[in-house]
Amino acid sequence: MSPLEFHYASNGYMNKYYKGLEQTRLIAYTVASTVKTKRKLPPISKWMPLPSDKQMSKISDTRALEIFTQFKKDA
């Protein structure tokens, strides 16, 4: 297996792994939100943080910046 093939295989495995963790987190958060308590639940990323949250925030921040600069150009 070449290094590039290994890179793609490991990225695919980690993507599948993080998708499973995200699904588990959503199920747990949904169940926890149905329980009546006096305190409000924190946001899902604070309640059960995942390593993939940091990657997603970088992507969304750069995308938001691109959209903002596009709006500035159009205005």
PDB file of N, CA and C in Angstrom:
ATOM      1  N   MET A   1       0.858  -1.170   0.000  1.00  0.00           N
ATOM      2  CA  MET A   1       0.000   0.000   0.000  1.00  0.00           C
ATOM      3  C   MET A   1       0.901   1.230   0.000  1.00  0.00           C
ATOM      4  N   SER A   2       0.632   2.122  -0.913  1.00  0.00           N
ATOM      5  CA  SER A   2       1.447   3.334  -1.001  1.00  0.00           C
ATOM      6  C   SER A   2       1.053   4.303   0.115  1.00  0.00           C
ATOM      7  N   PRO A   3       1.906   5.286   0.395  1.00  0.00           N
ATOM      8  CA  PRO A   3       1.560   6.265   1.434  1.00  0.00           C
ATOM      9  C   PRO A   3       0.274   7.034   1.119  1.00  0.00           C
ATOM     10  N   LEU A   4       0.039   7.323  -0.149  1.00  0.00           N
ATOM     11  CA  LEU A   4      -1.185   8.036  -0.511  1.00  0.00           C
ATOM     12  C   LEU A   4      -2.423   7.176  -0.268  1.00  0.00           C
ATOM     13  N   GLU A   5      -2.332   5.890  -0.629  1.00  0.00           N
ATOM     14  CA  GLU A   5      -3.453   4.988  -0.365  1.00  0.00           C
ATOM     15  C   GLU A   5      -3.714   4.853   1.127  1.00  0.00           C
ATOM     16  N   PHE A   6      -2.637   4.776   1.913  1.00  0.00           N
ATOM     17  CA  PHE A   6      -2.791   4.710   3.368  1.00  0.00           C
ATOM     18  C   PHE A   6      -3.450   5.975   3.901  1.00  0.00           C
ATOM     19  N   HIS A   7      -3.057   7.115   3.371  1.00  0.00           N
ATOM     20  CA  HIS A   7      -3.645   8.394   3.791  1.00  0.00           C
ATOM     21  C   HIS A   7      -5.154   8.401   3.532  1.00  0.00           C
ATOM     22  N   TYR A   8      -5.538   7.990   2.325  1.00  0.00           N
ATOM     23  CA  TYR A   8      -6.963   7.957   1.993  1.00  0.00           C
ATOM     24  C   TYR A   8      -7.718   6.941   2.839  1.00  0.00           C
ATOM     25  N   ALA A   9      -7.120   5.788   3.070  1.00  0.00           N
ATOM     26  CA  ALA A   9      -7.781   4.759   3.884  1.00  0.00           C
ATOM     27  C   ALA A   9      -7.947   5.224   5.327  1.00  0.00           C
ATOM     28  N   SER A  10      -6.923   5.855   5.873  1.00  0.00           N
ATOM     29  CA  SER A  10      -7.023   6.317   7.261  1.00  0.00           C
ATOM     30  C   SER A  10      -8.008   7.473   7.385  1.00  0.00           C
ATOM     31  N   ASN A  11      -8.050   8.361   6.399  1.00  0.00           N
ATOM     32  CA  ASN A  11      -9.036   9.440   6.429  1.00  0.00           C
ATOM     33  C   ASN A  11     -10.454   8.887   6.351  1.00  0.00           C
ATOM     34  N   GLY A  12     -10.666   7.877   5.514  1.00  0.00           N
ATOM     35  CA  GLY A  12     -11.985   7.260   5.416  1.00  0.00           C
ATOM     36  C   GLY A  12     -12.401   6.590   6.711  1.00  0.00           C
ATOM     37  N   TYR A  13     -11.454   5.902   7.346  1.00  0.00           N
ATOM     38  CA  TYR A  13     -11.758   5.249   8.613  1.00  0.00           C
ATOM     39  C   TYR A  13     -12.098   6.285   9.689  1.00  0.00           C
ATOM     40  N   MET A  14     -11.304   7.352   9.777  1.00  0.00           N
ATOM     41  CA  MET A  14     -11.564   8.366  10.801  1.00  0.00           C
ATOM     42  C   MET A  14     -12.881   9.088  10.538  1.00  0.00           C
ATOM     43  N   ASN A  15     -13.212   9.311   9.272  1.00  0.00           N
ATOM     44  CA  ASN A  15     -14.485   9.936   8.938  1.00  0.00           C
ATOM     45  C   ASN A  15     -15.644   9.064   9.406  1.00  0.00           C
ATOM     46  N   LYS A  16     -15.557   7.760   9.154  1.00  0.00           N
ATOM     47  CA  LYS A  16     -16.588   6.823   9.602  1.00  0.00           C
ATOM     48  C   LYS A  16     -16.666   6.798  11.136  1.00  0.00           C
ATOM     49  N   TYR A  17     -15.512   6.829  11.793  1.00  0.00           N
ATOM     50  CA  TYR A  17     -15.456   6.811  13.255  1.00  0.00           C
ATOM     51  C   TYR A  17     -16.108   8.067  13.841  1.00  0.00           C
ATOM     52  N   TYR A  18     -15.785   9.235  13.287  1.00  0.00           N
ATOM     53  CA  TYR A  18     -16.363  10.477  13.804  1.00  0.00           C
ATOM     54  C   TYR A  18     -17.851  10.584  13.518  1.00  0.00           C
ATOM     55  N   LYS A  19     -18.295  10.033  12.398  1.00  0.00           N
ATOM     56  CA  LYS A  19     -19.739  10.030  12.110  1.00  0.00           C
ATOM     57  C   LYS A  19     -20.486   9.187  13.148  1.00  0.00           C
ATOM     58  N   GLY A  20     -19.900   8.054  13.540  1.00  0.00           N
ATOM     59  CA  GLY A  20     -20.512   7.221  14.578  1.00  0.00           C
ATOM     60  C   GLY A  20     -20.553   7.928  15.925  1.00  0.00           C
ATOM     61  N   LEU A  21     -19.469   8.621  16.258  1.00  0.00           N
ATOM     62  CA  LEU A  21     -19.457   9.381  17.506  1.00  0.00           C
ATOM     63  C   LEU A  21     -20.489  10.505  17.485  1.00  0.00           C
ATOM     64  N   GLU A  22     -20.611  11.168  16.352  1.00  0.00           N
ATOM     65  CA  GLU A  22     -21.583  12.254  16.224  1.00  0.00           C
ATOM     66  C   GLU A  22     -23.001  11.718  16.374  1.00  0.00           C
ATOM     67  N   GLN A  23     -23.278  10.568  15.797  1.00  0.00           N
ATOM     68  CA  GLN A  23     -24.605   9.967  15.915  1.00  0.00           C
ATOM     69  C   GLN A  23     -24.896   9.601  17.372  1.00  0.00           C
ATOM     70  N   THR A  24     -23.928   9.024  18.045  1.00  0.00           N
ATOM     71  CA  THR A  24     -24.092   8.673  19.457  1.00  0.00           C
ATOM     72  C   THR A  24     -24.340   9.908  20.301  1.00  0.00           C
ATOM     73  N   ARG A  25     -23.591  10.976  20.009  1.00  0.00           N
ATOM     74  CA  ARG A  25     -23.758  12.219  20.767  1.00  0.00           C
ATOM     75  C   ARG A  25     -25.144  12.807  20.549  1.00  0.00           C
ATOM     76  N   LEU A  26     -25.645  12.781  19.308  1.00  0.00           N
ATOM     77  CA  LEU A  26     -26.980  13.320  19.040  1.00  0.00           C
ATOM     78  C   LEU A  26     -28.074  12.527  19.750  1.00  0.00           C
ATOM     79  N   ILE A  27     -27.938  11.207  19.761  1.00  0.00           N
ATOM     80  CA  ILE A  27     -28.925  10.374  20.456  1.00  0.00           C
ATOM     81  C   ILE A  27     -28.903  10.662  21.950  1.00  0.00           C
ATOM     82  N   ALA A  28     -27.707  10.723  22.530  1.00  0.00           N
ATOM     83  CA  ALA A  28     -27.592  10.985  23.968  1.00  0.00           C
ATOM     84  C   ALA A  28     -28.118  12.366  24.321  1.00  0.00           C
ATOM     85  N   TYR A  29     -27.840  13.354  23.497  1.00  0.00           N
ATOM     86  CA  TYR A  29     -28.308  14.720  23.770  1.00  0.00           C
ATOM     87  C   TYR A  29     -29.820  14.814  23.649  1.00  0.00           C
ATOM     88  N   THR A  30     -30.394  14.101  22.682  1.00  0.00           N
ATOM     89  CA  THR A  30     -31.847  14.096  22.525  1.00  0.00           C
ATOM     90  C   THR A  30     -32.515  13.461  23.738  1.00  0.00           C
ATOM     91  N   VAL A  31     -31.964  12.358  24.211  1.00  0.00           N
ATOM     92  CA  VAL A  31     -32.518  11.703  25.402  1.00  0.00           C
ATOM     93  C   VAL A  31     -32.363  12.604  26.620  1.00  0.00           C
ATOM     94  N   ALA A  32     -31.215  13.238  26.760  1.00  0.00           N
ATOM     95  CA  ALA A  32     -30.990  14.120  27.916  1.00  0.00           C
ATOM     96  C   ALA A  32     -31.896  15.345  27.870  1.00  0.00           C
ATOM     97  N   SER A  33     -32.237  15.806  26.672  1.00  0.00           N
ATOM     98  CA  SER A  33     -33.087  16.995  26.585  1.00  0.00           C
ATOM     99  C   SER A  33     -34.551  16.686  26.887  1.00  0.00           C
ATOM    100  N   THR A  34     -34.946  15.410  26.847  1.00  0.00           N
ATOM    101  CA  THR A  34     -36.330  15.065  27.163  1.00  0.00           C
ATOM    102  C   THR A  34     -36.566  14.968  28.670  1.00  0.00           C
ATOM    103  N   VAL A  35     -35.494  14.869  29.457  1.00  0.00           N
ATOM    104  CA  VAL A  35     -35.623  14.785  30.905  1.00  0.00           C
ATOM    105  C   VAL A  35     -35.877  16.191  31.451  1.00  0.00           C
ATOM    106  N   LYS A  36     -36.910  16.314  32.268  1.00  0.00           N
ATOM    107  CA  LYS A  36     -37.249  17.626  32.815  1.00  0.00           C
ATOM    108  C   LYS A  36     -36.312  17.967  33.970  1.00  0.00           C
ATOM    109  N   THR A  37     -35.631  19.086  33.834  1.00  0.00           N
ATOM    110  CA  THR A  37     -34.754  19.596  34.896  1.00  0.00           C
ATOM    111  C   THR A  37     -34.947  21.094  35.019  1.00  0.00           C
ATOM    112  N   LYS A  38     -34.449  21.640  36.113  1.00  0.00           N
ATOM    113  CA  LYS A  38     -34.534  23.082  36.302  1.00  0.00           C
ATOM    114  C   LYS A  38     -33.445  23.806  35.515  1.00  0.00           C
ATOM    115  N   ARG A  39     -32.325  23.115  35.309  1.00  0.00           N
ATOM    116  CA  ARG A  39     -31.218  23.731  34.575  1.00  0.00           C
ATOM    117  C   ARG A  39     -31.349  23.446  33.084  1.00  0.00           C
ATOM    118  N   LYS A  40     -30.960  24.417  32.305  1.00  0.00           N
ATOM    119  CA  LYS A  40     -30.970  24.252  30.861  1.00  0.00           C
ATOM    120  C   LYS A  40     -29.701  23.524  30.426  1.00  0.00           C
ATOM    121  N   LEU A  41     -29.835  22.673  29.424  1.00  0.00           N
ATOM    122  CA  LEU A  41     -28.668  21.953  28.912  1.00  0.00           C
ATOM    123  C   LEU A  41     -27.730  22.909  28.185  1.00  0.00           C
ATOM    124  N   PRO A  42     -26.437  22.707  28.332  1.00  0.00           N
ATOM    125  CA  PRO A  42     -25.490  23.525  27.564  1.00  0.00           C
ATOM    126  C   PRO A  42     -25.549  23.138  26.086  1.00  0.00           C
ATOM    127  N   PRO A  43     -24.924  23.930  25.229  1.00  0.00           N
ATOM    128  CA  PRO A  43     -24.882  23.540  23.807  1.00  0.00           C
ATOM    129  C   PRO A  43     -24.235  22.166  23.643  1.00  0.00           C
ATOM    130  N   ILE A  44     -24.604  21.487  22.578  1.00  0.00           N
ATOM    131  CA  ILE A  44     -24.164  20.112  22.390  1.00  0.00           C
ATOM    132  C   ILE A  44     -22.644  19.999  22.311  1.00  0.00           C
ATOM    133  N   SER A  45     -21.982  20.994  21.746  1.00  0.00           N
ATOM    134  CA  SER A  45     -20.517  20.927  21.636  1.00  0.00           C
ATOM    135  C   SER A  45     -19.832  21.104  22.989  1.00  0.00           C
ATOM    136  N   LYS A  46     -20.489  21.754  23.933  1.00  0.00           N
ATOM    137  CA  LYS A  46     -19.938  21.883  25.287  1.00  0.00           C
ATOM    138  C   LYS A  46     -20.336  20.689  26.148  1.00  0.00           C
ATOM    139  N   TRP A  47     -21.499  20.127  25.871  1.00  0.00           N
ATOM    140  CA  TRP A  47     -22.024  19.026  26.659  1.00  0.00           C
ATOM    141  C   TRP A  47     -21.204  17.762  26.459  1.00  0.00           C
ATOM    142  N   MET A  48     -20.869  17.456  25.206  1.00  0.00           N
ATOM    143  CA  MET A  48     -20.041  16.294  24.899  1.00  0.00           C
ATOM    144  C   MET A  48     -19.112  16.677  23.744  1.00  0.00           C
ATOM    145  N   PRO A  49     -17.983  17.289  24.049  1.00  0.00           N
ATOM    146  CA  PRO A  49     -17.093  17.735  22.975  1.00  0.00           C
ATOM    147  C   PRO A  49     -16.444  16.562  22.237  1.00  0.00           C
ATOM    148  N   LEU A  50     -16.272  16.748  20.948  1.00  0.00           N
ATOM    149  CA  LEU A  50     -15.612  15.752  20.104  1.00  0.00           C
ATOM    150  C   LEU A  50     -14.409  16.405  19.415  1.00  0.00           C
ATOM    151  N   PRO A  51     -13.402  15.633  19.090  1.00  0.00           N
ATOM    152  CA  PRO A  51     -12.250  16.212  18.380  1.00  0.00           C
ATOM    153  C   PRO A  51     -12.630  16.811  17.024  1.00  0.00           C
ATOM    154  N   SER A  52     -13.675  16.279  16.409  1.00  0.00           N
ATOM    155  CA  SER A  52     -14.073  16.788  15.098  1.00  0.00           C
ATOM    156  C   SER A  52     -14.734  18.165  15.193  1.00  0.00           C
ATOM    157  N   ASP A  53     -15.152  18.593  16.385  1.00  0.00           N
ATOM    158  CA  ASP A  53     -15.762  19.914  16.540  1.00  0.00           C
ATOM    159  C   ASP A  53     -14.783  21.022  16.172  1.00  0.00           C
ATOM    160  N   LYS A  54     -13.521  20.846  16.534  1.00  0.00           N
ATOM    161  CA  LYS A  54     -12.523  21.870  16.220  1.00  0.00           C
ATOM    162  C   LYS A  54     -12.332  21.996  14.721  1.00  0.00           C
ATOM    163  N   GLN A  55     -12.322  20.871  14.029  1.00  0.00           N
ATOM    164  CA  GLN A  55     -12.176  20.913  12.578  1.00  0.00           C
ATOM    165  C   GLN A  55     -13.385  21.576  11.939  1.00  0.00           C
ATOM    166  N   MET A  56     -14.565  21.268  12.422  1.00  0.00           N
ATOM    167  CA  MET A  56     -15.773  21.848  11.849  1.00  0.00           C
ATOM    168  C   MET A  56     -15.856  23.336  12.111  1.00  0.00           C
ATOM    169  N   SER A  57     -15.403  23.798  13.282  1.00  0.00           N
ATOM    170  CA  SER A  57     -15.452  25.223  13.570  1.00  0.00           C
ATOM    171  C   SER A  57     -14.492  25.983  12.670  1.00  0.00           C
ATOM    172  N   LYS A  58     -13.326  25.394  12.358  1.00  0.00           N
ATOM    173  CA  LYS A  58     -12.394  26.042  11.438  1.00  0.00           C
ATOM    174  C   LYS A  58     -13.021  26.169  10.060  1.00  0.00           C
ATOM    175  N   ILE A  59     -13.680  25.111   9.611  1.00  0.00           N
ATOM    176  CA  ILE A  59     -14.300  25.126   8.293  1.00  0.00           C
ATOM    177  C   ILE A  59     -15.418  26.153   8.247  1.00  0.00           C
ATOM    178  N   SER A  60     -16.278  26.177   9.260  1.00  0.00           N
ATOM    179  CA  SER A  60     -17.409  27.098   9.258  1.00  0.00           C
ATOM    180  C   SER A  60     -16.936  28.539   9.418  1.00  0.00           C
ATOM    181  N   ASP A  61     -15.865  28.780  10.190  1.00  0.00           N
ATOM    182  CA  ASP A  61     -15.350  30.131  10.341  1.00  0.00           C
ATOM    183  C   ASP A  61     -14.802  30.660   9.022  1.00  0.00           C
ATOM    184  N   THR A  62     -14.043  29.837   8.322  1.00  0.00           N
ATOM    185  CA  THR A  62     -13.499  30.296   7.040  1.00  0.00           C
ATOM    186  C   THR A  62     -14.605  30.476   6.022  1.00  0.00           C
ATOM    187  N   ARG A  63     -15.595  29.611   6.046  1.00  0.00           N
ATOM    188  CA  ARG A  63     -16.723  29.744   5.118  1.00  0.00           C
ATOM    189  C   ARG A  63     -17.521  30.999   5.424  1.00  0.00           C
ATOM    190  N   ALA A  64     -17.730  31.294   6.705  1.00  0.00           N
ATOM    191  CA  ALA A  64     -18.456  32.503   7.083  1.00  0.00           C
ATOM    192  C   ALA A  64     -17.690  33.747   6.636  1.00  0.00           C
ATOM    193  N   LEU A  65     -16.369  33.715   6.758  1.00  0.00           N
ATOM    194  CA  LEU A  65     -15.550  34.843   6.321  1.00  0.00           C
ATOM    195  C   LEU A  65     -15.652  35.029   4.810  1.00  0.00           C
ATOM    196  N   GLU A  66     -15.657  33.922   4.054  1.00  0.00           N
ATOM    197  CA  GLU A  66     -15.806  34.011   2.605  1.00  0.00           C
ATOM    198  C   GLU A  66     -17.151  34.626   2.223  1.00  0.00           C
ATOM    199  N   ILE A  67     -18.207  34.220   2.894  1.00  0.00           N
ATOM    200  CA  ILE A  67     -19.541  34.756   2.607  1.00  0.00           C
ATOM    201  C   ILE A  67     -19.588  36.238   2.945  1.00  0.00           C
ATOM    202  N   PHE A  68     -18.997  36.631   4.077  1.00  0.00           N
ATOM    203  CA  PHE A  68     -18.995  38.029   4.488  1.00  0.00           C
ATOM    204  C   PHE A  68     -18.246  38.893   3.480  1.00  0.00           C
ATOM    205  N   THR A  69     -17.082  38.428   3.031  1.00  0.00           N
ATOM    206  CA  THR A  69     -16.328  39.221   2.048  1.00  0.00           C
ATOM    207  C   THR A  69     -17.061  39.293   0.713  1.00  0.00           C
ATOM    208  N   GLN A  70     -17.794  38.242   0.363  1.00  0.00           N
ATOM    209  CA  GLN A  70     -18.587  38.280  -0.872  1.00  0.00           C
ATOM    210  C   GLN A  70     -19.700  39.315  -0.766  1.00  0.00           C
ATOM    211  N   PHE A  71     -20.352  39.385   0.392  1.00  0.00           N
ATOM    212  CA  PHE A  71     -21.391  40.395   0.588  1.00  0.00           C
ATOM    213  C   PHE A  71     -20.821  41.803   0.566  1.00  0.00           C
ATOM    214  N   LYS A  72     -19.620  41.976   1.126  1.00  0.00           N
ATOM    215  CA  LYS A  72     -18.986  43.294   1.113  1.00  0.00           C
ATOM    216  C   LYS A  72     -18.677  43.732  -0.312  1.00  0.00           C
ATOM    217  N   LYS A  73     -18.242  42.781  -1.143  1.00  0.00           N
ATOM    218  CA  LYS A  73     -17.935  43.122  -2.529  1.00  0.00           C
ATOM    219  C   LYS A  73     -19.187  43.525  -3.294  1.00  0.00           C
ATOM    220  N   ASP A  74     -20.299  42.826  -3.020  1.00  0.00           N
ATOM    221  CA  ASP A  74     -21.546  43.094  -3.737  1.00  0.00           C
ATOM    222  C   ASP A  74     -22.178  44.408  -3.307  1.00  0.00           C
ATOM    223  N   ALA A  75     -21.921  44.844  -2.097  1.00  0.00           N
ATOM    224  CA  ALA A  75     -22.573  46.056  -1.574  1.00  0.00           C
ATOM    225  C   ALA A  75     -21.929  47.325  -2.066  1.00  0.00           C
TER     226      ALA A  75
END
